[in-house]
Structures are given as structure tokens and as C-alpha cells.
Amino acid sequence: MFPSHEKIVYFFAKVGTTQTTFSNGVQVFRFANNQVEKHFTDGSKEIRFPDGTVKCLFPSGEEESVFPDGTIQKLERSGLQLIEYSNG
């Protein structure tokens, strides 16, 4: 694609979004509202929301969200939703 030490950066001025593609294939999107998404080559994604929530999407269809208060929400492929509260 391109040399291992380089990256390609696009800025979409109309929507205020920056897309950076690294030589290893990882893409990082930075949106005007401060949301940041990392798209990995295996199909997984990590989304960091402005409020501090981090959501991970996996190629299997499973999801995991970690909220600022420490609560963890998991969604399994079967559709089962599990919530772990920070206070137990």
C-alpha cells in the first residue's frame, strides 16, 4: 500500500471529519463532536464517545461498552445482554 512509516490523512471540511489510514491498515476517524473511531483490519472497531464511553464492536457481532461510571454492557451474538454495574 505505502511505506511502513507513512500514513494518509483526509480532511472532510464540510463535516469536520479527519480520516487517517496507517500503513498497517488501521483507520482512525475523528469527528467534529470529538468522537473517535478506530477501524481495525480484522473488522473490529473501537468507538470513543465525547462523554467518555468506549464501545468495542467485534467481527463476531458481539459488542462491549464501558461507561464513564465503570458500568460494562455486553451484547453477545445470541442477543443476550449482560450488564455489570460498577457497584456490584
PDB file of N, CA and C in Angstrom:
ATOM      1  N   MET A   1       0.833  -1.187   0.000  1.00  0.00           N
ATOM      2  CA  MET A   1       0.000   0.000   0.000  1.00  0.00           C
ATOM      3  C   MET A   1       0.880   1.253   0.000  1.00  0.00           C
ATOM      4  N   PHE A   2       1.651   1.465   1.061  1.00  0.00           N
ATOM      5  CA  PHE A   2       2.610   2.561   1.116  1.00  0.00           C
ATOM      6  C   PHE A   2       3.654   2.221   2.169  1.00  0.00           C
ATOM      7  N   PRO A   3       4.782   2.915   2.198  1.00  0.00           N
ATOM      8  CA  PRO A   3       5.858   2.584   3.144  1.00  0.00           C
ATOM      9  C   PRO A   3       5.370   2.521   4.589  1.00  0.00           C
ATOM     10  N   SER A   4       5.982   1.651   5.395  1.00  0.00           N
ATOM     11  CA  SER A   4       5.511   1.348   6.744  1.00  0.00           C
ATOM     12  C   SER A   4       5.517   2.542   7.696  1.00  0.00           C
ATOM     13  N   HIS A   5       6.237   3.568   7.407  1.00  0.00           N
ATOM     14  CA  HIS A   5       6.306   4.710   8.304  1.00  0.00           C
ATOM     15  C   HIS A   5       5.360   5.844   7.885  1.00  0.00           C
ATOM     16  N   GLU A   6       4.575   5.621   6.866  1.00  0.00           N
ATOM     17  CA  GLU A   6       3.713   6.687   6.359  1.00  0.00           C
ATOM     18  C   GLU A   6       2.253   6.462   6.715  1.00  0.00           C
ATOM     19  N   LYS A   7       1.504   7.514   6.570  1.00  0.00           N
ATOM     20  CA  LYS A   7       0.062   7.454   6.763  1.00  0.00           C
ATOM     21  C   LYS A   7      -0.581   8.402   5.768  1.00  0.00           C
ATOM     22  N   ILE A   8      -1.836   8.162   5.508  1.00  0.00           N
ATOM     23  CA  ILE A   8      -2.589   9.027   4.606  1.00  0.00           C
ATOM     24  C   ILE A   8      -3.679   9.702   5.425  1.00  0.00           C
ATOM     25  N   VAL A   9      -3.793  11.015   5.294  1.00  0.00           N
ATOM     26  CA  VAL A   9      -4.782  11.772   6.059  1.00  0.00           C
ATOM     27  C   VAL A   9      -5.692  12.526   5.098  1.00  0.00           C
ATOM     28  N   TYR A  10      -6.993  12.338   5.302  1.00  0.00           N
ATOM     29  CA  TYR A  10      -8.006  13.095   4.554  1.00  0.00           C
ATOM     30  C   TYR A  10      -8.781  13.938   5.551  1.00  0.00           C
ATOM     31  N   PHE A  11      -9.098  15.146   5.152  1.00  0.00           N
ATOM     32  CA  PHE A  11      -9.949  16.002   5.979  1.00  0.00           C
ATOM     33  C   PHE A  11     -11.189  16.341   5.169  1.00  0.00           C
ATOM     34  N   PHE A  12     -12.346  16.011   5.719  1.00  0.00           N
ATOM     35  CA  PHE A  12     -13.618  16.294   5.078  1.00  0.00           C
ATOM     36  C   PHE A  12     -14.169  17.563   5.714  1.00  0.00           C
ATOM     37  N   ALA A  13     -13.861  18.706   5.097  1.00  0.00           N
ATOM     38  CA  ALA A  13     -14.150  20.012   5.682  1.00  0.00           C
ATOM     39  C   ALA A  13     -15.638  20.245   5.932  1.00  0.00           C
ATOM     40  N   LYS A  14     -16.472  19.780   5.023  1.00  0.00           N
ATOM     41  CA  LYS A  14     -17.912  20.045   5.143  1.00  0.00           C
ATOM     42  C   LYS A  14     -18.490  19.470   6.436  1.00  0.00           C
ATOM     43  N   VAL A  15     -17.978  18.320   6.884  1.00  0.00           N
ATOM     44  CA  VAL A  15     -18.487  17.687   8.104  1.00  0.00           C
ATOM     45  C   VAL A  15     -17.478  17.723   9.253  1.00  0.00           C
ATOM     46  N   GLY A  16     -16.296  18.288   9.018  1.00  0.00           N
ATOM     47  CA  GLY A  16     -15.295  18.422  10.078  1.00  0.00           C
ATOM     48  C   GLY A  16     -14.720  17.094  10.549  1.00  0.00           C
ATOM     49  N   THR A  17     -14.531  16.157   9.641  1.00  0.00           N
ATOM     50  CA  THR A  17     -14.039  14.824   9.986  1.00  0.00           C
ATOM     51  C   THR A  17     -12.666  14.583   9.366  1.00  0.00           C
ATOM     52  N   THR A  18     -11.779  13.984  10.150  1.00  0.00           N
ATOM     53  CA  THR A  18     -10.469  13.597   9.668  1.00  0.00           C
ATOM     54  C   THR A  18     -10.385  12.083   9.630  1.00  0.00           C
ATOM     55  N   GLN A  19      -9.903  11.537   8.531  1.00  0.00           N
ATOM     56  CA  GLN A  19      -9.687  10.096   8.386  1.00  0.00           C
ATOM     57  C   GLN A  19      -8.201   9.879   8.181  1.00  0.00           C
ATOM     58  N   THR A  20      -7.595   9.094   9.070  1.00  0.00           N
ATOM     59  CA  THR A  20      -6.181   8.763   8.948  1.00  0.00           C
ATOM     60  C   THR A  20      -6.066   7.266   8.716  1.00  0.00           C
ATOM     61  N   THR A  21      -5.369   6.890   7.657  1.00  0.00           N
ATOM     62  CA  THR A  21      -5.122   5.481   7.358  1.00  0.00           C
ATOM     63  C   THR A  21      -3.641   5.216   7.560  1.00  0.00           C
ATOM     64  N   PHE A  22      -3.333   4.281   8.442  1.00  0.00           N
ATOM     65  CA  PHE A  22      -1.950   3.936   8.747  1.00  0.00           C
ATOM     66  C   PHE A  22      -1.486   2.798   7.856  1.00  0.00           C
ATOM     67  N   SER A  23      -0.173   2.647   7.746  1.00  0.00           N
ATOM     68  CA  SER A  23       0.395   1.644   6.848  1.00  0.00           C
ATOM     69  C   SER A  23      -0.014   0.222   7.218  1.00  0.00           C
ATOM     70  N   ASN A  24      -0.415  -0.025   8.474  1.00  0.00           N
ATOM     71  CA  ASN A  24      -0.846  -1.366   8.878  1.00  0.00           C
ATOM     72  C   ASN A  24      -2.328  -1.608   8.569  1.00  0.00           C
ATOM     73  N   GLY A  25      -2.987  -0.628   7.934  1.00  0.00           N
ATOM     74  CA  GLY A  25      -4.377  -0.774   7.537  1.00  0.00           C
ATOM     75  C   GLY A  25      -5.388  -0.218   8.516  1.00  0.00           C
ATOM     76  N   VAL A  26      -4.950   0.136   9.713  1.00  0.00           N
ATOM     77  CA  VAL A  26      -5.858   0.713  10.714  1.00  0.00           C
ATOM     78  C   VAL A  26      -6.287   2.098  10.247  1.00  0.00           C
ATOM     79  N   GLN A  27      -7.576   2.378  10.407  1.00  0.00           N
ATOM     80  CA  GLN A  27      -8.113   3.692  10.065  1.00  0.00           C
ATOM     81  C   GLN A  27      -8.650   4.354  11.329  1.00  0.00           C
ATOM     82  N   VAL A  28      -8.366   5.641  11.482  1.00  0.00           N
ATOM     83  CA  VAL A  28      -8.863   6.402  12.625  1.00  0.00           C
ATOM     84  C   VAL A  28      -9.667   7.576  12.090  1.00  0.00           C
ATOM     85  N   PHE A  29     -10.891   7.680  12.582  1.00  0.00           N
ATOM     86  CA  PHE A  29     -11.793   8.764  12.202  1.00  0.00           C
ATOM     87  C   PHE A  29     -11.989   9.671  13.410  1.00  0.00           C
ATOM     88  N   ARG A  30     -11.795  10.965  13.209  1.00  0.00           N
ATOM     89  CA  ARG A  30     -12.036  11.959  14.267  1.00  0.00           C
ATOM     90  C   ARG A  30     -13.130  12.892  13.773  1.00  0.00           C
ATOM     91  N   PHE A  31     -14.227  12.900  14.504  1.00  0.00           N
ATOM     92  CA  PHE A  31     -15.393  13.678  14.106  1.00  0.00           C
ATOM     93  C   PHE A  31     -15.427  15.026  14.813  1.00  0.00           C
ATOM     94  N   ALA A  32     -16.203  15.945  14.281  1.00  0.00           N
ATOM     95  CA  ALA A  32     -16.302  17.303  14.828  1.00  0.00           C
ATOM     96  C   ALA A  32     -16.791  17.315  16.271  1.00  0.00           C
ATOM     97  N   ASN A  33     -17.578  16.324  16.661  1.00  0.00           N
ATOM     98  CA  ASN A  33     -18.107  16.285  18.032  1.00  0.00           C
ATOM     99  C   ASN A  33     -17.145  15.618  19.014  1.00  0.00           C
ATOM    100  N   ASN A  34     -15.903  15.363  18.582  1.00  0.00           N
ATOM    101  CA  ASN A  34     -14.833  14.722  19.366  1.00  0.00           C
ATOM    102  C   ASN A  34     -14.976  13.216  19.502  1.00  0.00           C
ATOM    103  N   GLN A  35     -15.875  12.598  18.770  1.00  0.00           N
ATOM    104  CA  GLN A  35     -15.942  11.137  18.730  1.00  0.00           C
ATOM    105  C   GLN A  35     -14.764  10.631  17.907  1.00  0.00           C
ATOM    106  N   VAL A  36     -14.142   9.554  18.371  1.00  0.00           N
ATOM    107  CA  VAL A  36     -13.012   8.957  17.668  1.00  0.00           C
ATOM    108  C   VAL A  36     -13.311   7.477  17.444  1.00  0.00           C
ATOM    109  N   GLU A  37     -13.154   7.024  16.215  1.00  0.00           N
ATOM    110  CA  GLU A  37     -13.368   5.624  15.874  1.00  0.00           C
ATOM    111  C   GLU A  37     -12.093   5.045  15.288  1.00  0.00           C
ATOM    112  N   LYS A  38     -11.743   3.846  15.764  1.00  0.00           N
ATOM    113  CA  LYS A  38     -10.626   3.095  15.190  1.00  0.00           C
ATOM    114  C   LYS A  38     -11.216   1.873  14.515  1.00  0.00           C
ATOM    115  N   HIS A  39     -10.888   1.684  13.249  1.00  0.00           N
ATOM    116  CA  HIS A  39     -11.345   0.538  12.473  1.00  0.00           C
ATOM    117  C   HIS A  39     -10.124  -0.336  12.195  1.00  0.00           C
ATOM    118  N   PHE A  40     -10.163  -1.565  12.701  1.00  0.00           N
ATOM    119  CA  PHE A  40      -9.034  -2.469  12.575  1.00  0.00           C
ATOM    120  C   PHE A  40      -9.219  -3.401  11.377  1.00  0.00           C
ATOM    121  N   THR A  41      -8.136  -3.962  10.905  1.00  0.00           N
ATOM    122  CA  THR A  41      -8.175  -4.793   9.705  1.00  0.00           C
ATOM    123  C   THR A  41      -8.942  -6.097   9.897  1.00  0.00           C
ATOM    124  N   ASP A  42      -9.133  -6.533  11.143  1.00  0.00           N
ATOM    125  CA  ASP A  42      -9.889  -7.764  11.385  1.00  0.00           C
ATOM    126  C   ASP A  42     -11.398  -7.514  11.414  1.00  0.00           C
ATOM    127  N   GLY A  43     -11.801  -6.253  11.199  1.00  0.00           N
ATOM    128  CA  GLY A  43     -13.215  -5.905  11.189  1.00  0.00           C
ATOM    129  C   GLY A  43     -13.718  -5.355  12.510  1.00  0.00           C
ATOM    130  N   SER A  44     -12.897  -5.396  13.548  1.00  0.00           N
ATOM    131  CA  SER A  44     -13.322  -4.848  14.840  1.00  0.00           C
ATOM    132  C   SER A  44     -13.202  -3.325  14.825  1.00  0.00           C
ATOM    133  N   LYS A  45     -13.985  -2.703  15.713  1.00  0.00           N
ATOM    134  CA  LYS A  45     -13.984  -1.242  15.817  1.00  0.00           C
ATOM    135  C   LYS A  45     -13.986  -0.839  17.280  1.00  0.00           C
ATOM    136  N   GLU A  46     -13.336   0.266  17.581  1.00  0.00           N
ATOM    137  CA  GLU A  46     -13.371   0.873  18.904  1.00  0.00           C
ATOM    138  C   GLU A  46     -13.871   2.302  18.720  1.00  0.00           C
ATOM    139  N   ILE A  47     -14.926   2.634  19.448  1.00  0.00           N
ATOM    140  CA  ILE A  47     -15.520   3.960  19.339  1.00  0.00           C
ATOM    141  C   ILE A  47     -15.422   4.641  20.697  1.00  0.00           C
ATOM    142  N   ARG A  48     -14.825   5.816  20.718  1.00  0.00           N
ATOM    143  CA  ARG A  48     -14.723   6.614  21.952  1.00  0.00           C
ATOM    144  C   ARG A  48     -15.634   7.825  21.790  1.00  0.00           C
ATOM    145  N   PHE A  49     -16.647   7.874  22.643  1.00  0.00           N
ATOM    146  CA  PHE A  49     -17.619   8.955  22.584  1.00  0.00           C
ATOM    147  C   PHE A  49     -17.162  10.134  23.433  1.00  0.00           C
ATOM    148  N   PRO A  50     -17.642  11.329  23.133  1.00  0.00           N
ATOM    149  CA  PRO A  50     -17.234  12.521  23.884  1.00  0.00           C
ATOM    150  C   PRO A  50     -17.507  12.429  25.390  1.00  0.00           C
ATOM    151  N   ASP A  51     -18.502  11.643  25.802  1.00  0.00           N
ATOM    152  CA  ASP A  51     -18.818  11.541  27.233  1.00  0.00           C
ATOM    153  C   ASP A  51     -17.913  10.564  27.973  1.00  0.00           C
ATOM    154  N   GLY A  52     -16.965   9.932  27.264  1.00  0.00           N
ATOM    155  CA  GLY A  52     -16.037   9.002  27.888  1.00  0.00           C
ATOM    156  C   GLY A  52     -16.412   7.542  27.701  1.00  0.00           C
ATOM    157  N   THR A  53     -17.559   7.258  27.146  1.00  0.00           N
ATOM    158  CA  THR A  53     -17.970   5.882  26.871  1.00  0.00           C
ATOM    159  C   THR A  53     -17.095   5.300  25.769  1.00  0.00           C
ATOM    160  N   VAL A  54     -16.692   4.036  25.943  1.00  0.00           N
ATOM    161  CA  VAL A  54     -15.913   3.329  24.931  1.00  0.00           C
ATOM    162  C   VAL A  54     -16.711   2.101  24.514  1.00  0.00           C
ATOM    163  N   LYS A  55     -16.951   1.961  23.224  1.00  0.00           N
ATOM    164  CA  LYS A  55     -17.701   0.828  22.688  1.00  0.00           C
ATOM    165  C   LYS A  55     -16.812   0.055  21.721  1.00  0.00           C
ATOM    166  N   CYS A  56     -16.754  -1.256  21.910  1.00  0.00           N
ATOM    167  CA  CYS A  56     -15.991  -2.127  21.035  1.00  0.00           C
ATOM    168  C   CYS A  56     -16.956  -3.030  20.280  1.00  0.00           C
ATOM    169  N   LEU A  57     -16.800  -3.078  18.971  1.00  0.00           N
ATOM    170  CA  LEU A  57     -17.598  -3.941  18.105  1.00  0.00           C
ATOM    171  C   LEU A  57     -16.670  -5.002  17.544  1.00  0.00           C
ATOM    172  N   PHE A  58     -17.064  -6.257  17.655  1.00  0.00           N
ATOM    173  CA  PHE A  58     -16.217  -7.360  17.235  1.00  0.00           C
ATOM    174  C   PHE A  58     -16.768  -8.020  15.978  1.00  0.00           C
ATOM    175  N   PRO A  59     -15.898  -8.613  15.154  1.00  0.00           N
ATOM    176  CA  PRO A  59     -16.350  -9.248  13.917  1.00  0.00           C
ATOM    177  C   PRO A  59     -17.407 -10.330  14.146  1.00  0.00           C
ATOM    178  N   SER A  60     -17.423 -10.918  15.331  1.00  0.00           N
ATOM    179  CA  SER A  60     -18.382 -11.972  15.656  1.00  0.00           C
ATOM    180  C   SER A  60     -19.799 -11.437  15.829  1.00  0.00           C
ATOM    181  N   GLY A  61     -19.925 -10.099  15.907  1.00  0.00           N
ATOM    182  CA  GLY A  61     -21.224  -9.484  16.153  1.00  0.00           C
ATOM    183  C   GLY A  61     -21.421  -9.111  17.611  1.00  0.00           C
ATOM    184  N   GLU A  62     -20.475  -9.500  18.454  1.00  0.00           N
ATOM    185  CA  GLU A  62     -20.557  -9.143  19.870  1.00  0.00           C
ATOM    186  C   GLU A  62     -20.134  -7.697  20.067  1.00  0.00           C
ATOM    187  N   GLU A  63     -20.625  -7.093  21.145  1.00  0.00           N
ATOM    188  CA  GLU A  63     -20.308  -5.707  21.475  1.00  0.00           C
ATOM    189  C   GLU A  63     -20.000  -5.602  22.961  1.00  0.00           C
ATOM    190  N   GLU A  64     -19.185  -4.612  23.310  1.00  0.00           N
ATOM    191  CA  GLU A  64     -18.918  -4.307  24.704  1.00  0.00           C
ATOM    192  C   GLU A  64     -18.796  -2.806  24.846  1.00  0.00           C
ATOM    193  N   SER A  65     -19.532  -2.256  25.814  1.00  0.00           N
ATOM    194  CA  SER A  65     -19.467  -0.823  26.094  1.00  0.00           C
ATOM    195  C   SER A  65     -19.036  -0.626  27.538  1.00  0.00           C
ATOM    196  N   VAL A  66     -18.114   0.300  27.753  1.00  0.00           N
ATOM    197  CA  VAL A  66     -17.680   0.660  29.097  1.00  0.00           C
ATOM    198  C   VAL A  66     -18.042   2.126  29.287  1.00  0.00           C
ATOM    199  N   PHE A  67     -18.886   2.376  30.287  1.00  0.00           N
ATOM    200  CA  PHE A  67     -19.377   3.727  30.533  1.00  0.00           C
ATOM    201  C   PHE A  67     -18.497   4.442  31.552  1.00  0.00           C
ATOM    202  N   PRO A  68     -18.546   5.765  31.578  1.00  0.00           N
ATOM    203  CA  PRO A  68     -17.684   6.537  32.478  1.00  0.00           C
ATOM    204  C   PRO A  68     -17.810   6.145  33.962  1.00  0.00           C
ATOM    205  N   ASP A  69     -18.970   5.652  34.382  1.00  0.00           N
ATOM    206  CA  ASP A  69     -19.140   5.264  35.796  1.00  0.00           C
ATOM    207  C   ASP A  69     -18.621   3.861  36.086  1.00  0.00           C
ATOM    208  N   GLY A  70     -18.040   3.190  35.071  1.00  0.00           N
ATOM    209  CA  GLY A  70     -17.487   1.856  35.254  1.00  0.00           C
ATOM    210  C   GLY A  70     -18.433   0.728  34.881  1.00  0.00           C
ATOM    211  N   THR A  71     -19.672   1.049  34.557  1.00  0.00           N
ATOM    212  CA  THR A  71     -20.628   0.034  34.130  1.00  0.00           C
ATOM    213  C   THR A  71     -20.183  -0.562  32.801  1.00  0.00           C
ATOM    214  N   ILE A  72     -20.297  -1.888  32.678  1.00  0.00           N
ATOM    215  CA  ILE A  72     -19.938  -2.584  31.447  1.00  0.00           C
ATOM    216  C   ILE A  72     -21.184  -3.270  30.900  1.00  0.00           C
ATOM    217  N   GLN A  73     -21.451  -3.029  29.647  1.00  0.00           N
ATOM    218  CA  GLN A  73     -22.592  -3.656  28.972  1.00  0.00           C
ATOM    219  C   GLN A  73     -22.056  -4.516  27.840  1.00  0.00           C
ATOM    220  N   LYS A  74     -22.460  -5.783  27.822  1.00  0.00           N
ATOM    221  CA  LYS A  74     -22.017  -6.699  26.777  1.00  0.00           C
ATOM    222  C   LYS A  74     -23.228  -7.220  26.021  1.00  0.00           C
ATOM    223  N   LEU A  75     -23.099  -7.321  24.730  1.00  0.00           N
ATOM    224  CA  LEU A  75     -24.127  -7.901  23.885  1.00  0.00           C
ATOM    225  C   LEU A  75     -23.490  -9.092  23.170  1.00  0.00           C
ATOM    226  N   GLU A  76     -24.014 -10.290  23.466  1.00  0.00           N
ATOM    227  CA  GLU A  76     -23.471 -11.499  22.853  1.00  0.00           C
ATOM    228  C   GLU A  76     -24.134 -11.757  21.513  1.00  0.00           C
ATOM    229  N   ARG A  77     -23.526 -12.625  20.728  1.00  0.00           N
ATOM    230  CA  ARG A  77     -24.067 -12.967  19.406  1.00  0.00           C
ATOM    231  C   ARG A  77     -25.486 -13.491  19.487  1.00  0.00           C
ATOM    232  N   SER A  78     -25.796 -14.183  20.554  1.00  0.00           N
ATOM    233  CA  SER A  78     -27.121 -14.771  20.732  1.00  0.00           C
ATOM    234  C   SER A  78     -28.189 -13.718  20.991  1.00  0.00           C
ATOM    235  N   GLY A  79     -27.753 -12.480  21.273  1.00  0.00           N
ATOM    236  CA  GLY A  79     -28.688 -11.410  21.604  1.00  0.00           C
ATOM    237  C   GLY A  79     -28.785 -11.174  23.100  1.00  0.00           C
ATOM    238  N   LEU A  80     -28.140 -12.045  23.899  1.00  0.00           N
ATOM    239  CA  LEU A  80     -28.139 -11.893  25.345  1.00  0.00           C
ATOM    240  C   LEU A  80     -27.380 -10.630  25.721  1.00  0.00           C
ATOM    241  N   GLN A  81     -27.987  -9.816  26.563  1.00  0.00           N
ATOM    242  CA  GLN A  81     -27.362  -8.573  27.011  1.00  0.00           C
ATOM    243  C   GLN A  81     -26.999  -8.716  28.487  1.00  0.00           C
ATOM    244  N   LEU A  82     -25.738  -8.473  28.820  1.00  0.00           N
ATOM    245  CA  LEU A  82     -25.251  -8.561  30.189  1.00  0.00           C
ATOM    246  C   LEU A  82     -24.802  -7.177  30.637  1.00  0.00           C
ATOM    247  N   ILE A  83     -25.167  -6.808  31.861  1.00  0.00           N
ATOM    248  CA  ILE A  83     -24.745  -5.513  32.398  1.00  0.00           C
ATOM    249  C   ILE A  83     -24.060  -5.758  33.737  1.00  0.00           C
ATOM    250  N   GLU A  84     -22.850  -5.262  33.852  1.00  0.00           N
ATOM    251  CA  GLU A  84     -22.095  -5.335  35.098  1.00  0.00           C
ATOM    252  C   GLU A  84     -21.986  -3.922  35.656  1.00  0.00           C
ATOM    253  N   TYR A  85     -22.588  -3.709  36.813  1.00  0.00           N
ATOM    254  CA  TYR A  85     -22.548  -2.382  37.428  1.00  0.00           C
ATOM    255  C   TYR A  85     -21.284  -2.220  38.257  1.00  0.00           C
ATOM    256  N   SER A  86     -20.773  -1.026  38.294  1.00  0.00           N
ATOM    257  CA  SER A  86     -19.508  -0.768  38.986  1.00  0.00           C
ATOM    258  C   SER A  86     -19.638  -0.990  40.491  1.00  0.00           C
ATOM    259  N   ASN A  87     -20.836  -0.908  41.027  1.00  0.00           N
ATOM    260  CA  ASN A  87     -21.027  -1.100  42.467  1.00  0.00           C
ATOM    261  C   ASN A  87     -21.396  -2.551  42.807  1.00  0.00           C
ATOM    262  N   GLY A  88     -21.294  -3.439  41.801  1.00  0.00           N
ATOM    263  CA  GLY A  88     -21.544  -4.859  42.035  1.00  0.00           C
ATOM    264  C   GLY A  88     -22.971  -5.215  41.845  1.00  0.00           C
TER     265      GLY A  88
END
